[in-house]
Protein backbone atom coordinates (compact mmCIF):
# COMPACT_ATOMS: atom_id res chain seq x y z
CA MET A 1 -12.67 -4.89 24.35
CA GLU A 2 -12.16 -3.02 21.09
CA LEU A 3 -8.87 -1.73 19.74
CA SER A 4 -8.21 -0.02 16.44
CA GLY A 5 -5.44 2.08 15.03
CA GLU A 6 -3.17 2.99 12.18
CA GLN A 7 0.57 2.72 11.76
CA LEU A 8 2.64 4.09 8.91
CA ILE A 9 5.62 1.87 8.13
CA ALA A 10 8.45 3.05 5.89
CA ALA A 11 8.32 -0.04 3.65
CA SER A 12 6.46 -1.10 0.52
CA VAL A 13 3.06 -2.78 0.70
CA ASN A 14 4.62 -5.96 -0.69
CA LYS A 15 7.32 -6.01 2.00
CA VAL A 16 4.77 -5.37 4.78
CA TRP A 17 2.44 -8.10 3.46
CA LEU A 18 5.28 -10.62 3.23
CA GLY A 19 6.39 -9.69 6.76
CA LEU A 20 2.89 -10.15 8.17
CA ASN A 21 2.86 -13.64 6.66
CA ASP A 22 6.37 -14.67 7.73
CA VAL A 23 6.46 -16.55 11.06
CA SER A 24 10.12 -15.67 11.65
CA THR A 25 9.39 -11.93 11.35
CA LEU A 26 6.29 -12.31 13.53
CA HIS A 27 8.19 -14.32 16.16
CA THR A 28 10.70 -11.49 16.54
CA SER A 29 8.03 -8.76 16.45
CA ILE A 30 5.30 -10.08 18.77
CA PRO A 31 6.11 -9.02 22.35
CA GLY A 32 6.59 -12.10 24.55
CA CYS A 33 6.33 -14.57 21.65
CA GLU A 34 7.93 -17.87 22.65
CA GLU A 35 6.78 -20.06 19.76
CA ILE A 36 4.95 -19.55 16.49
CA GLU A 37 4.16 -22.10 13.82
CA ARG A 38 2.29 -21.92 10.53
CA ILE A 39 -0.03 -24.91 10.33
CA SER A 40 -1.48 -24.00 6.91
CA ASP A 41 -1.97 -20.91 4.73
CA GLU A 42 -4.96 -20.03 6.92
CA GLU A 43 -3.86 -21.19 10.40
CA VAL A 44 -1.10 -20.16 12.80
CA ARG A 45 -0.43 -21.43 16.33
CA ALA A 46 1.51 -19.46 18.90
CA LYS A 47 2.63 -19.40 22.53
CA VAL A 48 3.01 -15.92 24.00
CA MET A 49 3.87 -14.63 27.48
CA PHE A 50 1.79 -11.56 28.40
CA LYS A 51 1.83 -9.32 31.45
CA ILE A 52 -1.33 -7.28 31.85
CA GLY A 53 -1.39 -5.36 35.10
CA PRO A 54 -0.69 -7.79 37.95
CA VAL A 55 -1.48 -10.88 35.85
CA ARG A 56 1.29 -12.64 33.98
CA ALA A 57 0.31 -15.58 31.81
CA ARG A 58 1.50 -17.79 29.00
CA PHE A 59 -1.18 -17.99 26.34
CA THR A 60 -1.39 -20.76 23.80
CA GLY A 61 -3.62 -19.97 20.88
CA LYS A 62 -4.66 -20.26 17.28
CA LEU A 63 -5.16 -17.62 14.62
CA PHE A 64 -7.37 -18.36 11.62
CA LEU A 65 -7.02 -16.14 8.52
CA SER A 66 -9.90 -15.50 6.13
CA ASP A 67 -11.04 -13.04 3.45
CA ILE A 68 -7.43 -12.87 2.26
CA VAL A 69 -6.78 -10.35 -0.51
CA PRO A 70 -2.97 -10.40 -0.97
CA GLU A 71 -1.29 -7.04 -0.32
CA VAL A 72 -4.69 -5.46 0.49
CA SER A 73 -6.39 -7.00 3.54
CA CYS A 74 -7.31 -10.02 5.61
CA SER A 75 -9.57 -10.94 8.50
CA MET A 76 -8.59 -13.06 11.48
CA ALA A 77 -10.33 -15.00 14.19
CA PHE A 78 -8.30 -15.88 17.25
CA GLU A 79 -8.63 -17.80 20.47
CA GLY A 80 -6.19 -18.48 23.25
CA THR A 81 -6.05 -19.83 26.77
CA GLY A 82 -3.75 -18.83 29.58
CA GLY A 83 -4.62 -21.42 32.21
CA ALA A 84 -5.94 -19.90 35.43
CA ALA A 85 -5.28 -16.40 34.04
CA GLY A 86 -8.15 -16.80 31.63
CA PHE A 87 -8.87 -16.77 27.93
CA ALA A 88 -9.10 -14.39 24.99
CA LYS A 89 -11.22 -14.80 21.89
CA GLY A 90 -12.04 -12.43 19.08
CA LYS A 91 -11.63 -11.19 15.56
CA ALA A 92 -9.54 -8.62 13.74
CA LYS A 93 -9.28 -6.94 10.34
CA VAL A 94 -6.05 -5.62 8.82
CA GLU A 95 -5.90 -3.37 5.75
CA LEU A 96 -2.81 -2.14 3.89
CA TYR A 97 -2.64 1.09 1.89
CA GLY A 98 0.30 2.23 -0.20
CA THR A 99 1.28 5.84 0.47
CA GLU A 100 4.08 8.13 -0.62
CA ASP A 101 5.88 7.44 2.68
CA GLY A 102 5.40 3.66 2.82
CA THR A 103 2.47 1.51 3.93
CA LEU A 104 -0.40 2.58 6.12
CA VAL A 105 -1.53 -0.39 8.21
CA ARG A 106 -5.07 0.04 9.52
CA TYR A 107 -6.33 -2.50 12.06
CA SER A 108 -9.41 -3.10 14.20
CA THR A 109 -9.93 -5.78 16.82
CA GLU A 110 -12.83 -6.99 18.93
CA ALA A 111 -12.02 -9.37 21.76
CA SER A 112 -13.66 -10.92 24.78
CA ILE A 113 -11.52 -11.77 27.78
CA GLY A 114 -12.42 -14.02 30.69
CA GLY A 115 -10.93 -15.47 33.87
CA LYS A 116 -8.59 -13.42 36.06
CA LEU A 117 -7.84 -11.17 33.10
CA GLY A 118 -11.52 -10.47 32.66
CA GLN A 119 -11.67 -9.21 36.25
CA ILE A 120 -8.99 -6.57 35.64
CA GLY A 121 -10.39 -3.15 34.79
CA GLY A 122 -11.17 -2.37 31.15
CA ARG A 123 -8.88 0.66 31.10
CA LEU A 124 -5.89 -1.39 32.22
CA ILE A 125 -6.62 -4.06 29.61
CA ASN A 126 -7.06 -1.47 26.86
CA ALA A 127 -3.87 0.38 27.84
CA SER A 128 -1.92 -2.90 27.92
CA ALA A 129 -3.34 -4.01 24.55
CA LYS A 130 -2.45 -0.64 23.01
CA LYS A 131 1.12 -0.90 24.35
CA ILE A 132 1.47 -4.44 23.01
CA ALA A 133 0.24 -3.28 19.57
CA ASP A 134 2.61 -0.29 19.59
CA ASP A 135 5.56 -2.49 20.63
CA PHE A 136 4.66 -4.99 17.91
CA PHE A 137 4.60 -2.37 15.16
CA GLN A 138 7.86 -0.78 16.37
CA ALA A 139 9.65 -4.16 16.29
CA PHE A 140 7.92 -5.16 13.03
CA ALA A 141 9.02 -1.98 11.24
CA LYS A 142 12.57 -2.58 12.48
CA GLN A 143 12.47 -6.18 11.19
CA LEU A 144 11.51 -4.86 7.76
CA GLY A 145 14.47 -2.50 7.80
CA GLY A 146 12.21 0.54 8.03
CA GLU A 147 10.76 2.62 10.79
CA LEU A 148 7.41 3.77 12.07
CA ILE A 149 6.51 7.20 10.80
CA VAL A 150 4.58 9.35 13.25
CA LEU A 151 1.25 10.39 11.74
CA SER A 152 1.33 14.16 12.13
CA ASP A 153 -1.69 16.46 12.02
CA THR A 154 -0.89 17.49 8.44
CA LYS A 155 -0.75 13.88 7.36
CA LEU A 156 -4.10 13.32 9.08
CA GLU A 157 -5.62 16.32 7.26
CA ASP A 158 -4.45 14.89 3.95
CA LYS A 159 -5.88 11.49 4.87
CA LYS A 160 -9.16 11.93 2.96
CA ASP A 161 -7.25 12.37 -0.31
CA VAL A 162 -5.10 9.36 0.57
CA GLU A 163 -8.18 7.31 1.45
CA ARG A 164 -9.83 8.12 -1.90
CA ALA A 165 -6.68 7.07 -3.74
CA GLU A 166 -6.44 3.93 -1.62
CA GLN A 167 -10.03 2.97 -2.32
CA LEU A 168 -9.40 3.37 -6.04
CA GLN A 169 -6.22 1.29 -5.70
CA LYS A 170 -8.11 -1.45 -3.82
CA TRP A 171 -10.97 -1.38 -6.35
CA LEU A 172 -8.50 -1.76 -9.22
CA LYS A 173 -6.69 -4.64 -7.49
CA LEU A 174 -10.02 -6.40 -7.02
CA GLY A 175 -10.76 -6.17 -10.72
CA GLY A 176 -12.57 -2.85 -11.11
CA LEU A 177 -15.73 -3.09 -13.19
CA LYS A 178 -16.65 -6.63 -14.13
CA LYS A 179 -18.95 -7.38 -17.02
């Protein structure tokens, strides 16, 4: 399964980055989250109740962060088990871009799912994963005191200019030209 998307949050890059690294904010934002604990700067453990189609399961899992560039991006590897319901395992990349309206959060995920969940149709799993992501970002934006801004067609047309500016911003944050 692959899932990618973009969300524009009416909050600064700094505020979004801090929120994504705060277990209290995540606990309130992740749909079905029962427990979440930061083990180290690079590891988080969580217990989450998911309902995907007819299957309802409590997943216990770990999230490992890597390639961390504060306020710019990070990569994640995750794995979780839901007993007889199955397992999920995969990786994700999250990138943050400052815009005039707030922070554009761009994400992409690749996951493999097995067990009973793996037997459910791909469309149902993708639709459920998309809804979970949308619900997360809605709650997350609210936790930050902002809101999700709908990406309109005009904003999408202007995206190339924004992307060029964002690439320059990222390049400068990473040190620009090094001698």
